[in-house]
Amino acid sequence: MKKPWIIGPGILFLLIIILLLSAIQKPPGKRIEEGARETSNSEMLKKGGVSNTDEELIQYYEGSLGYFVKPNKEGNYPGVVMIHEWWGLNKNIKDMAEQLASKGYIVMAVDLYYGKVAQTADEARELVTALNEEKALENMKVAVEFLRKNGAVKIASLGWCFGGGQSLQLALSGQELDATVLYYGSLKTDPEKLSVINWPVLGIFGDQDTSIPVETVNSFDSSLDTLNIENEIYIYPGVGHAFANPSGQNYAQEETEDAWEKTLAFLDKHLKK
């Protein structure tokens, strides 16, 4: 009969030390900062999966692949130029393009960074700093024409954060649109500059956003009213910048869902009627 193998206390202690060392010596992965994670707004907002859309990466502008999404049923649909946050054209924006297309829109989610996607705030800051504003405007204008060529009669722009500011810049550039939507994007309040807009504007903001103070939002709202530009400006109490980004520390789910419902109602009202 074989004797059972018994581990002595000295060997047992050595094995424990080896296991502890292997656990603490694992190399750390690359840190993904809040806002760059792959949690998507679409996952937070949609009930069930989006399965009624067709998607493709397509070159709509020289050197730039956009995410083009449309309903998979033939029909005449309005179009939306969707503009990413300062992180770039990431999964969150692609998922939101699918979510919007599932509601009966053809969507071109543009890429103003030409394939680059930031993983940290420092990387995002570098990409924004390097942005050529004239080229970015041309990029978005070409996206508008792309949607027109694909059957969109009415077209809006929609963006978050950096993309919200770009959505307004597109409206101020002289590009004809049918609606403009911006989530907490940088604003222009000079009535003379805003006077080129002759279509409805939807603005979504938070009253704790230190980068876009309530006073600036109110001034923007007042200028639109003075110019008789139809507008819906919402300032959500108790939330800060980028509150609609589910991977950020300011994420507010209830306000995000309400803002998205307002966005869909606004687009339906001005693009589908």
Protein backbone atom coordinates (compact mmCIF):
# COMPACT_ATOMS: atom_id res chain seq x y z
CA MET A 1 0.00 0.00 0.00
CA LYS A 2 1.41 3.36 -1.02
CA LYS A 3 1.82 5.96 1.65
CA PRO A 4 -0.04 9.25 1.05
CA TRP A 5 2.14 12.18 -0.03
CA ILE A 6 2.26 14.69 2.79
CA ILE A 7 3.49 18.26 2.15
CA GLY A 8 5.77 19.43 4.90
CA PRO A 9 5.29 22.88 6.46
CA GLY A 10 8.47 24.21 4.82
CA ILE A 11 7.35 23.25 1.30
CA LEU A 12 3.82 24.54 1.97
CA PHE A 13 5.19 27.90 3.08
CA LEU A 14 7.36 28.12 -0.07
CA LEU A 15 4.37 27.36 -2.33
CA ILE A 16 2.31 30.10 -0.66
CA ILE A 17 5.12 32.64 -1.22
CA ILE A 18 5.38 31.67 -4.92
CA LEU A 19 1.61 32.05 -5.42
CA LEU A 20 1.57 35.44 -3.72
CA LEU A 21 4.47 36.72 -5.85
CA SER A 22 2.82 35.56 -9.09
CA ALA A 23 -0.38 37.37 -8.12
CA ILE A 24 1.22 40.72 -7.41
CA GLN A 25 3.70 40.67 -10.29
CA LYS A 26 1.12 40.65 -13.09
CA PRO A 27 1.83 43.61 -15.39
CA PRO A 28 -0.90 46.27 -15.27
CA GLY A 29 -3.01 46.77 -18.39
CA LYS A 30 -3.28 50.11 -20.16
CA ARG A 31 -5.44 52.48 -18.13
CA ILE A 32 -8.68 53.46 -19.82
CA GLU A 33 -9.96 56.74 -18.48
CA GLU A 34 -13.61 57.57 -17.86
CA GLY A 35 -15.35 58.47 -21.06
CA ALA A 36 -13.16 56.23 -23.20
CA ARG A 37 -14.49 52.91 -21.93
CA GLU A 38 -16.59 50.76 -24.21
CA THR A 39 -19.81 51.10 -22.22
CA SER A 40 -22.30 52.52 -24.66
CA ASN A 41 -25.17 54.91 -24.33
CA SER A 42 -27.13 52.72 -26.70
CA GLU A 43 -26.81 49.78 -24.29
CA MET A 44 -28.22 51.99 -21.54
CA LEU A 45 -31.11 53.36 -23.61
CA LYS A 46 -32.38 50.59 -25.84
CA LYS A 47 -34.77 47.88 -24.79
CA GLY A 48 -33.54 44.75 -26.52
CA GLY A 49 -31.08 44.65 -29.40
CA VAL A 50 -31.10 46.76 -32.50
CA SER A 51 -31.54 44.34 -35.38
CA ASN A 52 -33.36 46.37 -38.01
CA THR A 53 -30.41 48.33 -39.38
CA ASP A 54 -27.61 47.86 -41.89
CA GLU A 55 -24.19 49.27 -41.00
CA GLU A 56 -20.92 49.80 -42.84
CA LEU A 57 -17.67 51.71 -42.54
CA ILE A 58 -17.46 53.80 -45.68
CA GLN A 59 -15.13 56.46 -47.02
CA TYR A 60 -17.31 59.52 -47.43
CA TYR A 61 -14.45 62.03 -47.26
CA GLU A 62 -10.82 61.68 -48.31
CA GLY A 63 -8.95 59.74 -45.65
CA SER A 64 -11.98 59.44 -43.38
CA LEU A 65 -14.12 56.34 -42.81
CA GLY A 66 -17.52 57.14 -41.40
CA TYR A 67 -20.00 54.76 -39.81
CA PHE A 68 -23.02 54.71 -42.12
CA VAL A 69 -26.19 53.19 -40.70
CA LYS A 70 -29.65 52.95 -42.22
CA PRO A 71 -32.88 51.03 -41.67
CA ASN A 72 -32.85 47.71 -43.50
CA LYS A 73 -36.31 48.35 -44.93
CA GLU A 74 -36.51 50.27 -48.18
CA GLY A 75 -38.02 53.70 -47.79
CA ASN A 76 -37.50 57.45 -47.71
CA TYR A 77 -35.78 58.47 -44.50
CA PRO A 78 -34.42 61.73 -43.13
CA GLY A 79 -30.71 61.92 -42.39
CA VAL A 80 -28.53 62.84 -39.41
CA VAL A 81 -24.86 63.78 -39.36
CA MET A 82 -23.67 62.44 -36.00
CA ILE A 83 -20.53 63.96 -34.50
CA HIS A 84 -18.40 62.20 -31.91
CA GLU A 85 -17.11 63.46 -28.55
CA TRP A 86 -13.47 64.41 -28.12
CA TRP A 87 -12.64 60.70 -27.76
CA GLY A 88 -13.27 60.05 -31.45
CA LEU A 89 -15.50 57.68 -33.40
CA ASN A 90 -15.69 54.94 -30.78
CA LYS A 91 -18.12 52.13 -29.99
CA ASN A 92 -20.44 54.38 -28.03
CA ILE A 93 -21.02 56.69 -31.01
CA LYS A 94 -21.40 53.77 -33.42
CA ASP A 95 -23.98 52.19 -31.14
CA MET A 96 -25.87 55.48 -30.88
CA ALA A 97 -25.87 55.71 -34.69
CA GLU A 98 -27.47 52.26 -34.81
CA GLN A 99 -29.98 53.24 -32.15
CA LEU A 100 -31.00 56.37 -34.05
CA ALA A 101 -31.18 54.55 -37.40
CA SER A 102 -33.50 51.98 -35.81
CA LYS A 103 -35.94 54.85 -35.26
CA GLY A 104 -36.16 55.56 -38.99
CA TYR A 105 -33.13 57.69 -39.92
CA ILE A 106 -30.10 57.26 -42.14
CA VAL A 107 -27.07 58.25 -40.10
CA MET A 108 -23.53 59.16 -41.00
CA ALA A 109 -21.35 59.13 -37.89
CA VAL A 110 -18.41 61.18 -39.09
CA ASP A 111 -14.77 60.73 -38.15
CA LEU A 112 -12.98 64.04 -37.66
CA TYR A 113 -9.85 62.30 -36.34
CA TYR A 114 -9.23 60.09 -39.40
CA GLY A 115 -9.14 56.75 -37.65
CA LYS A 116 -7.66 57.84 -34.33
CA VAL A 117 -9.54 57.13 -31.10
CA ALA A 118 -8.33 58.46 -27.76
CA GLN A 119 -8.09 56.19 -24.73
CA THR A 120 -7.04 58.85 -22.23
CA ALA A 121 -7.91 62.49 -21.64
CA ASP A 122 -4.38 63.49 -22.64
CA GLU A 123 -4.74 61.69 -25.97
CA ALA A 124 -8.14 63.30 -26.55
CA ARG A 125 -6.71 66.73 -25.77
CA GLU A 126 -3.93 66.19 -28.29
CA LEU A 127 -6.44 65.19 -30.99
CA VAL A 128 -8.64 68.23 -30.33
CA THR A 129 -5.64 70.55 -30.30
CA ALA A 130 -4.42 69.18 -33.62
CA LEU A 131 -7.83 69.54 -35.26
CA ASN A 132 -7.96 71.64 -38.42
CA GLU A 133 -11.24 73.53 -38.04
CA GLU A 134 -11.63 74.30 -41.74
CA LYS A 135 -11.01 70.70 -42.68
CA ALA A 136 -13.44 69.52 -39.99
CA LEU A 137 -16.16 71.76 -41.43
CA GLU A 138 -15.49 70.49 -44.94
CA ASN A 139 -15.62 66.93 -43.61
CA MET A 140 -19.08 67.49 -42.07
CA LYS A 141 -20.39 69.31 -45.14
CA VAL A 142 -19.37 66.39 -47.34
CA ALA A 143 -21.23 64.10 -44.91
CA VAL A 144 -24.36 66.22 -45.44
CA GLU A 145 -24.04 65.82 -49.21
CA PHE A 146 -23.41 62.10 -48.80
CA LEU A 147 -26.73 61.77 -46.96
CA ARG A 148 -28.52 63.80 -49.65
CA LYS A 149 -27.12 61.51 -52.35
CA ASN A 150 -28.42 58.57 -50.35
CA GLY A 151 -31.96 59.86 -50.37
CA ALA A 152 -32.23 62.09 -47.30
CA VAL A 153 -34.41 65.11 -48.06
CA LYS A 154 -34.28 66.61 -44.56
CA ILE A 155 -31.04 66.55 -42.57
CA ALA A 156 -29.98 67.43 -39.01
CA SER A 157 -26.67 67.46 -37.18
CA LEU A 158 -26.28 65.93 -33.72
CA GLY A 159 -23.25 65.88 -31.45
CA TRP A 160 -22.11 65.47 -27.86
CA CYS A 161 -19.47 67.56 -26.06
CA PHE A 162 -16.81 68.36 -28.69
CA GLY A 163 -19.30 67.06 -31.24
CA GLY A 164 -21.99 69.35 -29.86
CA GLY A 165 -19.76 72.34 -30.50
CA GLN A 166 -19.04 71.05 -34.00
CA SER A 167 -22.76 70.59 -34.61
CA LEU A 168 -23.25 74.30 -33.90
CA GLN A 169 -20.20 75.24 -35.99
CA LEU A 170 -21.71 73.38 -38.93
CA ALA A 171 -24.91 75.39 -38.53
CA LEU A 172 -22.94 78.66 -38.42
CA SER A 173 -20.89 77.76 -41.50
CA GLY A 174 -23.65 78.49 -43.98
CA GLN A 175 -24.48 74.81 -44.54
CA GLU A 176 -28.23 74.44 -45.02
CA LEU A 177 -29.80 72.08 -42.50
CA ASP A 178 -33.26 71.33 -41.17
CA ALA A 179 -32.37 71.01 -37.49
CA THR A 180 -29.40 71.28 -35.14
CA VAL A 181 -28.94 69.26 -31.94
CA LEU A 182 -26.13 69.82 -29.46
CA TYR A 183 -25.46 68.19 -26.12
CA TYR A 184 -23.35 70.46 -23.87
CA GLY A 185 -21.23 71.74 -26.75
CA SER A 186 -19.35 75.05 -26.77
CA LEU A 187 -21.64 77.92 -27.63
CA LYS A 188 -21.70 81.15 -29.59
CA THR A 189 -24.01 83.79 -28.17
CA ASP A 190 -23.49 86.68 -30.58
CA PRO A 191 -26.83 87.26 -32.36
CA GLU A 192 -25.03 88.38 -35.51
CA LYS A 193 -23.24 85.03 -35.79
CA LEU A 194 -26.35 83.03 -34.90
CA SER A 195 -28.50 84.91 -37.41
CA VAL A 196 -27.47 82.56 -40.24
CA ILE A 197 -29.53 79.77 -38.64
CA ASN A 198 -33.08 79.54 -39.99
CA TRP A 199 -34.11 76.16 -38.60
CA PRO A 200 -34.92 74.76 -35.14
CA VAL A 201 -32.24 74.16 -32.50
CA LEU A 202 -32.26 71.70 -29.59
CA GLY A 203 -29.76 72.20 -26.77
CA ILE A 204 -29.17 69.84 -23.84
CA PHE A 205 -27.15 71.07 -20.84
CA GLY A 206 -26.51 70.51 -17.12
CA ASP A 207 -26.55 73.25 -14.52
CA GLN A 208 -23.41 71.88 -12.84
CA ASP A 209 -21.35 72.07 -16.05
CA THR A 210 -18.46 74.39 -15.22
CA SER A 211 -17.20 74.36 -18.81
CA ILE A 212 -20.51 75.74 -20.12
CA PRO A 213 -22.02 77.87 -17.34
CA VAL A 214 -25.77 78.33 -17.07
CA GLU A 215 -25.28 82.04 -17.76
CA THR A 216 -23.80 81.21 -21.17
CA VAL A 217 -26.63 78.81 -21.96
CA ASN A 218 -29.20 81.44 -20.98
CA SER A 219 -27.45 84.00 -23.20
CA PHE A 220 -27.51 81.52 -26.10
CA ASP A 221 -31.20 80.86 -25.49
CA SER A 222 -31.95 84.59 -25.31
CA SER A 223 -30.14 85.27 -28.58
CA LEU A 224 -32.08 82.53 -30.36
CA ASP A 225 -35.33 83.97 -29.03
CA THR A 226 -34.35 87.47 -30.13
CA LEU A 227 -33.72 86.14 -33.64
CA ASN A 228 -37.01 84.21 -33.64
CA ILE A 229 -35.13 80.96 -34.14
CA GLU A 230 -37.32 78.12 -32.93
CA ASN A 231 -35.53 76.39 -30.11
CA GLU A 232 -35.80 73.96 -27.23
CA ILE A 233 -33.15 74.52 -24.56
CA TYR A 234 -33.10 72.20 -21.56
CA ILE A 235 -30.92 72.68 -18.51
CA TYR A 236 -31.00 69.64 -16.24
CA PRO A 237 -30.55 70.44 -12.54
CA GLY A 238 -27.86 68.70 -10.52
CA VAL A 239 -25.86 67.24 -13.42
CA GLY A 240 -22.54 68.27 -14.93
CA HIS A 241 -20.68 68.09 -18.21
CA ALA A 242 -21.00 64.89 -20.26
CA PHE A 243 -23.81 63.59 -18.05
CA ALA A 244 -25.06 61.49 -20.99
CA ASN A 245 -21.80 59.52 -21.25
CA PRO A 246 -22.40 56.21 -19.41
CA SER A 247 -18.70 55.62 -18.75
CA GLY A 248 -18.06 59.01 -17.15
CA GLN A 249 -18.23 59.99 -13.52
CA ASN A 250 -21.00 62.52 -14.28
CA TYR A 251 -23.30 59.98 -15.91
CA ALA A 252 -26.95 60.50 -14.97
CA GLN A 253 -29.12 57.72 -16.36
CA GLU A 254 -32.54 59.25 -15.71
CA GLU A 255 -31.59 62.59 -17.27
CA THR A 256 -29.90 60.82 -20.20
CA GLU A 257 -33.00 58.80 -20.99
CA ASP A 258 -35.20 61.89 -20.75
CA ALA A 259 -32.84 63.90 -22.98
CA TRP A 260 -32.81 61.10 -25.58
CA GLU A 261 -36.62 60.99 -25.65
CA LYS A 262 -36.64 64.77 -26.17
CA THR A 263 -34.06 64.37 -28.95
CA LEU A 264 -36.12 61.74 -30.77
CA ALA A 265 -39.30 63.81 -30.42
CA PHE A 266 -37.49 66.91 -31.73
CA LEU A 267 -36.05 65.09 -34.74
CA ASP A 268 -39.35 63.41 -35.52
CA LYS A 269 -41.14 66.75 -35.38
CA HIS A 270 -38.75 68.61 -37.65
CA LEU A 271 -37.46 65.93 -40.01
CA LYS A 272 -40.40 63.60 -40.48
CA LYS A 273 -43.24 66.08 -40.99
